[in-house]
């Protein structure tokens, strides 16, 4: 998140923390699909790996595949030090005690593979940032997100919808609807997990 990297003046924070991400590498496999390999020096299983890193890097992988005009391949996440913090041990035990269930059996899902440009991505990021600012101010909480009609930017639509639902929850507003392109996200929404 931006707040972790920059101060209120927009200057890069000075910190003693060593970045956890060591490298992100994209490679085409033998079938011409774009695989993503992420190497982490250190990774918190609760708030790093599952809540931030995998969603963000697979989002980046989808964007890179669309820019390159390649089908989406596999995602690999390698952590040299996968851990949790002692003060979160009860949360870890709670997660481990949950009954494992299949979310949704389906064929592999792929977002629209229409090729996009870096300019498309820059514009989409600007729109997403403005949208999140508006959501933070309590606007558009019950409206469709600005990407929903744009088929080339389905991954941005799903990302924006997750933000919208989070702000609805934060503001105790009934979202009235939740629509995702990705069927597993739709199932999670219908089960109240998003």
C-alpha atoms as a PDB file:
ATOM      1  CA  UNK A   1       0.000   0.000   0.000  1.00  0.00           C
ATOM      2  CA  UNK A   2       1.088   3.557  -0.757  1.00  0.00           C
ATOM      3  CA  UNK A   3       0.908   4.550   2.932  1.00  0.00           C
ATOM      4  CA  UNK A   4       3.589   1.944   3.671  1.00  0.00           C
ATOM      5  CA  UNK A   5       5.989   3.528   1.183  1.00  0.00           C
ATOM      6  CA  UNK A   6       5.397   7.297   1.247  1.00  0.00           C
ATOM      7  CA  UNK A   7       4.886   9.980   3.894  1.00  0.00           C
ATOM      8  CA  UNK A   8       2.168  12.672   3.841  1.00  0.00           C
ATOM      9  CA  UNK A   9       4.347  14.853   1.557  1.00  0.00           C
ATOM     10  CA  UNK A  10       4.751  12.093  -1.017  1.00  0.00           C
ATOM     11  CA  UNK A  11       8.383  11.463  -0.079  1.00  0.00           C
ATOM     12  CA  UNK A  12       9.693   7.902   0.119  1.00  0.00           C
ATOM     13  CA  UNK A  13       9.704   6.729   3.747  1.00  0.00           C
ATOM     14  CA  UNK A  14      13.012   6.001   5.404  1.00  0.00           C
ATOM     15  CA  UNK A  15      12.690   2.641   7.087  1.00  0.00           C
ATOM     16  CA  UNK A  16      14.845  -0.080   8.576  1.00  0.00           C
ATOM     17  CA  UNK A  17      12.613  -2.742   6.985  1.00  0.00           C
ATOM     18  CA  UNK A  18      14.188  -4.794   4.243  1.00  0.00           C
ATOM     19  CA  UNK A  19      11.807  -5.347   1.302  1.00  0.00           C
ATOM     20  CA  UNK A  20      10.273  -8.811   1.385  1.00  0.00           C
ATOM     21  CA  UNK A  21       9.898  -9.236  -2.377  1.00  0.00           C
ATOM     22  CA  UNK A  22      13.192 -10.225  -3.972  1.00  0.00           C
ATOM     23  CA  UNK A  23      12.084 -10.698  -7.560  1.00  0.00           C
ATOM     24  CA  UNK A  24       9.124 -11.037  -9.882  1.00  0.00           C
ATOM     25  CA  UNK A  25       9.878 -12.877 -13.097  1.00  0.00           C
ATOM     26  CA  UNK A  26       7.631 -13.502 -16.097  1.00  0.00           C
ATOM     27  CA  UNK A  27       8.399 -16.371 -18.465  1.00  0.00           C
ATOM     28  CA  UNK A  28       6.543 -18.027 -21.330  1.00  0.00           C
ATOM     29  CA  UNK A  29       6.095 -21.757 -20.955  1.00  0.00           C
ATOM     30  CA  UNK A  30       6.258 -24.318 -23.788  1.00  0.00           C
ATOM     31  CA  UNK A  31       2.565 -23.639 -24.583  1.00  0.00           C
ATOM     32  CA  UNK A  32       3.157 -19.890 -24.945  1.00  0.00           C
ATOM     33  CA  UNK A  33       1.423 -19.024 -21.656  1.00  0.00           C
ATOM     34  CA  UNK A  34       2.803 -16.330 -19.363  1.00  0.00           C
ATOM     35  CA  UNK A  35       3.918 -17.767 -16.025  1.00  0.00           C
ATOM     36  CA  UNK A  36       4.823 -15.604 -13.030  1.00  0.00           C
ATOM     37  CA  UNK A  37       7.512 -16.511 -10.479  1.00  0.00           C
ATOM     38  CA  UNK A  38       7.661 -14.487  -7.258  1.00  0.00           C
ATOM     39  CA  UNK A  39      10.553 -14.913  -4.839  1.00  0.00           C
ATOM     40  CA  UNK A  40      10.084 -13.591  -1.311  1.00  0.00           C
ATOM     41  CA  UNK A  41      12.818 -13.128   1.269  1.00  0.00           C
ATOM     42  CA  UNK A  42      10.213 -13.272   4.030  1.00  0.00           C
ATOM     43  CA  UNK A  43       6.428 -13.657   4.033  1.00  0.00           C
ATOM     44  CA  UNK A  44       3.775 -13.326   6.722  1.00  0.00           C
ATOM     45  CA  UNK A  45       1.238 -16.061   5.892  1.00  0.00           C
ATOM     46  CA  UNK A  46      -1.800 -14.133   7.185  1.00  0.00           C
ATOM     47  CA  UNK A  47      -1.378 -10.565   6.040  1.00  0.00           C
ATOM     48  CA  UNK A  48       1.361 -10.834   3.417  1.00  0.00           C
ATOM     49  CA  UNK A  49       0.990 -14.000   1.388  1.00  0.00           C
ATOM     50  CA  UNK A  50      -2.769 -14.494   1.414  1.00  0.00           C
ATOM     51  CA  UNK A  51      -4.127 -10.977   1.855  1.00  0.00           C
ATOM     52  CA  UNK A  52      -1.732  -8.895  -0.238  1.00  0.00           C
ATOM     53  CA  UNK A  53       1.002 -10.650  -2.213  1.00  0.00           C
ATOM     54  CA  UNK A  54      -0.806 -13.384  -4.136  1.00  0.00           C
ATOM     55  CA  UNK A  55      -3.780 -11.160  -5.100  1.00  0.00           C
ATOM     56  CA  UNK A  56      -1.492  -8.292  -6.169  1.00  0.00           C
ATOM     57  CA  UNK A  57       1.039 -10.372  -8.094  1.00  0.00           C
ATOM     58  CA  UNK A  58      -1.608 -12.428  -9.914  1.00  0.00           C
ATOM     59  CA  UNK A  59      -3.302  -9.118 -10.808  1.00  0.00           C
ATOM     60  CA  UNK A  60       0.038  -7.932 -12.228  1.00  0.00           C
ATOM     61  CA  UNK A  61       0.445 -11.249 -14.076  1.00  0.00           C
ATOM     62  CA  UNK A  62      -2.974 -10.822 -15.700  1.00  0.00           C
ATOM     63  CA  UNK A  63      -2.122  -7.266 -16.777  1.00  0.00           C
ATOM     64  CA  UNK A  64       1.262  -8.344 -18.192  1.00  0.00           C
ATOM     65  CA  UNK A  65      -0.352 -11.227 -20.109  1.00  0.00           C
ATOM     66  CA  UNK A  66      -2.876  -8.852 -21.662  1.00  0.00           C
ATOM     67  CA  UNK A  67      -0.183  -6.302 -22.580  1.00  0.00           C
ATOM     68  CA  UNK A  68       1.900  -9.044 -24.212  1.00  0.00           C
ATOM     69  CA  UNK A  69      -1.122 -10.650 -25.879  1.00  0.00           C
ATOM     70  CA  UNK A  70      -0.400 -14.002 -24.207  1.00  0.00           C
ATOM     71  CA  UNK A  71      -2.676 -16.474 -22.437  1.00  0.00           C
ATOM     72  CA  UNK A  72      -2.355 -16.580 -18.664  1.00  0.00           C
ATOM     73  CA  UNK A  73      -0.087 -19.303 -17.331  1.00  0.00           C
ATOM     74  CA  UNK A  74       0.705 -20.542 -13.821  1.00  0.00           C
ATOM     75  CA  UNK A  75       1.661 -18.557 -10.741  1.00  0.00           C
ATOM     76  CA  UNK A  76       4.532 -19.665  -8.488  1.00  0.00           C
ATOM     77  CA  UNK A  77       5.129 -18.114  -5.044  1.00  0.00           C
ATOM     78  CA  UNK A  78       8.388 -18.996  -3.299  1.00  0.00           C
ATOM     79  CA  UNK A  79       8.976 -17.742   0.251  1.00  0.00           C
ATOM     80  CA  UNK A  80      12.305 -18.382   1.974  1.00  0.00           C
ATOM     81  CA  UNK A  81      10.855 -17.559   5.404  1.00  0.00           C
ATOM     82  CA  UNK A  82       7.116 -18.185   5.579  1.00  0.00           C
ATOM     83  CA  UNK A  83       5.906 -17.256   9.058  1.00  0.00           C
ATOM     84  CA  UNK A  84       3.260 -15.718  11.290  1.00  0.00           C
ATOM     85  CA  UNK A  85       3.706 -13.458  14.297  1.00  0.00           C
ATOM     86  CA  UNK A  86       3.155 -14.790  17.819  1.00  0.00           C
ATOM     87  CA  UNK A  87       0.434 -12.244  18.599  1.00  0.00           C
ATOM     88  CA  UNK A  88      -1.565 -13.733  15.677  1.00  0.00           C
ATOM     89  CA  UNK A  89      -1.249 -17.358  16.776  1.00  0.00           C
ATOM     90  CA  UNK A  90      -4.922 -17.602  17.799  1.00  0.00           C
ATOM     91  CA  UNK A  91      -5.941 -16.374  14.348  1.00  0.00           C
ATOM     92  CA  UNK A  92      -3.699 -18.979  12.696  1.00  0.00           C
ATOM     93  CA  UNK A  93      -5.165 -21.756  14.870  1.00  0.00           C
ATOM     94  CA  UNK A  94      -8.665 -20.574  13.998  1.00  0.00           C
ATOM     95  CA  UNK A  95      -7.858 -20.697  10.285  1.00  0.00           C
ATOM     96  CA  UNK A  96      -6.352 -24.174  10.618  1.00  0.00           C
ATOM     97  CA  UNK A  97      -9.405 -25.459  12.491  1.00  0.00           C
ATOM     98  CA  UNK A  98     -11.808 -24.344   9.740  1.00  0.00           C
ATOM     99  CA  UNK A  99     -13.443 -27.124   7.800  1.00  0.00           C
ATOM    100  CA  UNK A 100     -11.873 -27.368   4.370  1.00  0.00           C
ATOM    101  CA  UNK A 101     -14.405 -27.145   1.585  1.00  0.00           C
ATOM    102  CA  UNK A 102     -14.254 -26.799  -2.128  1.00  0.00           C
ATOM    103  CA  UNK A 103     -15.291 -23.327  -3.187  1.00  0.00           C
ATOM    104  CA  UNK A 104     -16.348 -24.192  -6.683  1.00  0.00           C
ATOM    105  CA  UNK A 105     -15.424 -26.940  -9.082  1.00  0.00           C
ATOM    106  CA  UNK A 106     -14.920 -25.518 -12.549  1.00  0.00           C
ATOM    107  CA  UNK A 107     -12.722 -25.416 -15.570  1.00  0.00           C
ATOM    108  CA  UNK A 108      -9.829 -23.005 -15.394  1.00  0.00           C
ATOM    109  CA  UNK A 109     -11.142 -19.454 -15.647  1.00  0.00           C
ATOM    110  CA  UNK A 110      -9.455 -16.781 -17.732  1.00  0.00           C
ATOM    111  CA  UNK A 111     -10.290 -13.120 -17.890  1.00  0.00           C
ATOM    112  CA  UNK A 112     -10.761 -11.564 -21.325  1.00  0.00           C
ATOM    113  CA  UNK A 113      -7.500 -11.815 -23.207  1.00  0.00           C
ATOM    114  CA  UNK A 114      -7.993  -8.749 -25.409  1.00  0.00           C
ATOM    115  CA  UNK A 115      -4.623  -7.082 -25.773  1.00  0.00           C
ATOM    116  CA  UNK A 116      -4.199  -3.810 -23.919  1.00  0.00           C
ATOM    117  CA  UNK A 117      -1.447  -1.200 -23.883  1.00  0.00           C
ATOM    118  CA  UNK A 118       0.547   0.407 -21.097  1.00  0.00           C
ATOM    119  CA  UNK A 119      -1.515   3.542 -21.731  1.00  0.00           C
ATOM    120  CA  UNK A 120      -4.695   1.491 -21.099  1.00  0.00           C
ATOM    121  CA  UNK A 121      -3.195   0.265 -17.815  1.00  0.00           C
ATOM    122  CA  UNK A 122      -2.124   3.778 -16.751  1.00  0.00           C
ATOM    123  CA  UNK A 123      -5.609   5.128 -17.491  1.00  0.00           C
ATOM    124  CA  UNK A 124      -7.254   2.206 -15.658  1.00  0.00           C
ATOM    125  CA  UNK A 125      -5.035   2.737 -12.601  1.00  0.00           C
ATOM    126  CA  UNK A 126      -5.928   6.452 -12.558  1.00  0.00           C
ATOM    127  CA  UNK A 127      -9.633   5.562 -12.746  1.00  0.00           C
ATOM    128  CA  UNK A 128      -9.222   2.924 -10.015  1.00  0.00           C
ATOM    129  CA  UNK A 129      -7.424   5.365  -7.693  1.00  0.00           C
ATOM    130  CA  UNK A 130     -10.118   8.013  -8.232  1.00  0.00           C
ATOM    131  CA  UNK A 131     -12.823   5.389  -7.671  1.00  0.00           C
ATOM    132  CA  UNK A 132     -11.229   4.237  -4.388  1.00  0.00           C
ATOM    133  CA  UNK A 133     -11.007   7.882  -3.235  1.00  0.00           C
ATOM    134  CA  UNK A 134     -14.710   8.326  -4.038  1.00  0.00           C
ATOM    135  CA  UNK A 135     -15.572   5.109  -2.195  1.00  0.00           C
ATOM    136  CA  UNK A 136     -13.551   6.288   0.786  1.00  0.00           C
ATOM    137  CA  UNK A 137     -15.690   9.443   0.812  1.00  0.00           C
ATOM    138  CA  UNK A 138     -18.848   7.321   0.857  1.00  0.00           C
ATOM    139  CA  UNK A 139     -19.772   7.840  -2.802  1.00  0.00           C
ATOM    140  CA  UNK A 140     -20.880   5.164  -5.315  1.00  0.00           C
ATOM    141  CA  UNK A 141     -21.178   2.449  -2.660  1.00  0.00           C
ATOM    142  CA  UNK A 142     -24.284   0.950  -4.259  1.00  0.00           C
ATOM    143  CA  UNK A 143     -23.475   1.620  -7.938  1.00  0.00           C
ATOM    144  CA  UNK A 144     -21.693  -0.596 -10.472  1.00  0.00           C
ATOM    145  CA  UNK A 145     -17.967   0.022 -10.601  1.00  0.00           C
ATOM    146  CA  UNK A 146     -16.619   2.069 -13.541  1.00  0.00           C
ATOM    147  CA  UNK A 147     -14.949  -0.913 -15.245  1.00  0.00           C
ATOM    148  CA  UNK A 148     -17.887  -3.310 -15.327  1.00  0.00           C
ATOM    149  CA  UNK A 149     -18.963  -2.546 -18.900  1.00  0.00           C
ATOM    150  CA  UNK A 150     -15.415  -2.609 -20.297  1.00  0.00           C
ATOM    151  CA  UNK A 151     -14.824  -6.268 -21.253  1.00  0.00           C
ATOM    152  CA  UNK A 152     -11.086  -5.736 -21.924  1.00  0.00           C
ATOM    153  CA  UNK A 153     -10.578  -4.674 -18.301  1.00  0.00           C
ATOM    154  CA  UNK A 154     -12.423  -7.469 -16.485  1.00  0.00           C
ATOM    155  CA  UNK A 155      -9.608  -7.961 -13.980  1.00  0.00           C
ATOM    156  CA  UNK A 156      -9.817  -4.249 -13.053  1.00  0.00           C
ATOM    157  CA  UNK A 157     -13.582  -4.634 -12.649  1.00  0.00           C
ATOM    158  CA  UNK A 158     -13.182  -7.491 -10.173  1.00  0.00           C
ATOM    159  CA  UNK A 159     -10.480  -5.591  -8.274  1.00  0.00           C
ATOM    160  CA  UNK A 160     -12.722  -2.490  -8.096  1.00  0.00           C
ATOM    161  CA  UNK A 161     -15.661  -4.623  -6.932  1.00  0.00           C
ATOM    162  CA  UNK A 162     -13.609  -6.043  -4.038  1.00  0.00           C
ATOM    163  CA  UNK A 163     -12.751  -2.453  -3.011  1.00  0.00           C
ATOM    164  CA  UNK A 164     -16.424  -1.417  -3.267  1.00  0.00           C
ATOM    165  CA  UNK A 165     -17.585  -4.312  -1.081  1.00  0.00           C
ATOM    166  CA  UNK A 166     -14.867  -3.556   1.496  1.00  0.00           C
ATOM    167  CA  UNK A 167     -15.964   0.093   1.725  1.00  0.00           C
ATOM    168  CA  UNK A 168     -19.615  -0.986   1.983  1.00  0.00           C
ATOM    169  CA  UNK A 169     -18.694  -3.238   4.902  1.00  0.00           C
ATOM    170  CA  UNK A 170     -16.623  -0.475   6.522  1.00  0.00           C
ATOM    171  CA  UNK A 171     -19.505   2.028   6.184  1.00  0.00           C
ATOM    172  CA  UNK A 172     -22.175  -0.536   7.143  1.00  0.00           C
ATOM    173  CA  UNK A 173     -23.928  -0.052   3.805  1.00  0.00           C
ATOM    174  CA  UNK A 174     -25.794  -2.870   2.059  1.00  0.00           C
ATOM    175  CA  UNK A 175     -23.981  -3.233  -1.290  1.00  0.00           C
ATOM    176  CA  UNK A 176     -27.298  -4.327  -2.891  1.00  0.00           C
ATOM    177  CA  UNK A 177     -25.406  -6.354  -5.482  1.00  0.00           C
ATOM    178  CA  UNK A 178     -22.016  -7.757  -6.165  1.00  0.00           C
ATOM    179  CA  UNK A 179     -21.025  -8.842  -9.629  1.00  0.00           C
ATOM    180  CA  UNK A 180     -17.771 -10.464 -10.578  1.00  0.00           C
ATOM    181  CA  UNK A 181     -16.445 -11.824 -13.835  1.00  0.00           C
ATOM    182  CA  UNK A 182     -14.459 -14.493 -11.995  1.00  0.00           C
ATOM    183  CA  UNK A 183     -16.902 -17.249 -10.935  1.00  0.00           C
ATOM    184  CA  UNK A 184     -14.997 -18.113  -7.745  1.00  0.00           C
ATOM    185  CA  UNK A 185     -15.156 -14.487  -6.593  1.00  0.00           C
ATOM    186  CA  UNK A 186     -18.895 -14.546  -7.301  1.00  0.00           C
ATOM    187  CA  UNK A 187     -19.283 -17.677  -5.132  1.00  0.00           C
ATOM    188  CA  UNK A 188     -17.264 -16.097  -2.311  1.00  0.00           C
ATOM    189  CA  UNK A 189     -19.437 -12.984  -2.511  1.00  0.00           C
ATOM    190  CA  UNK A 190     -22.653 -15.058  -2.411  1.00  0.00           C
ATOM    191  CA  UNK A 191     -21.357 -16.879   0.678  1.00  0.00           C
ATOM    192  CA  UNK A 192     -20.595 -13.566   2.404  1.00  0.00           C
ATOM    193  CA  UNK A 193     -16.843 -14.135   2.381  1.00  0.00           C
ATOM    194  CA  UNK A 194     -16.073 -10.872   0.561  1.00  0.00           C
END
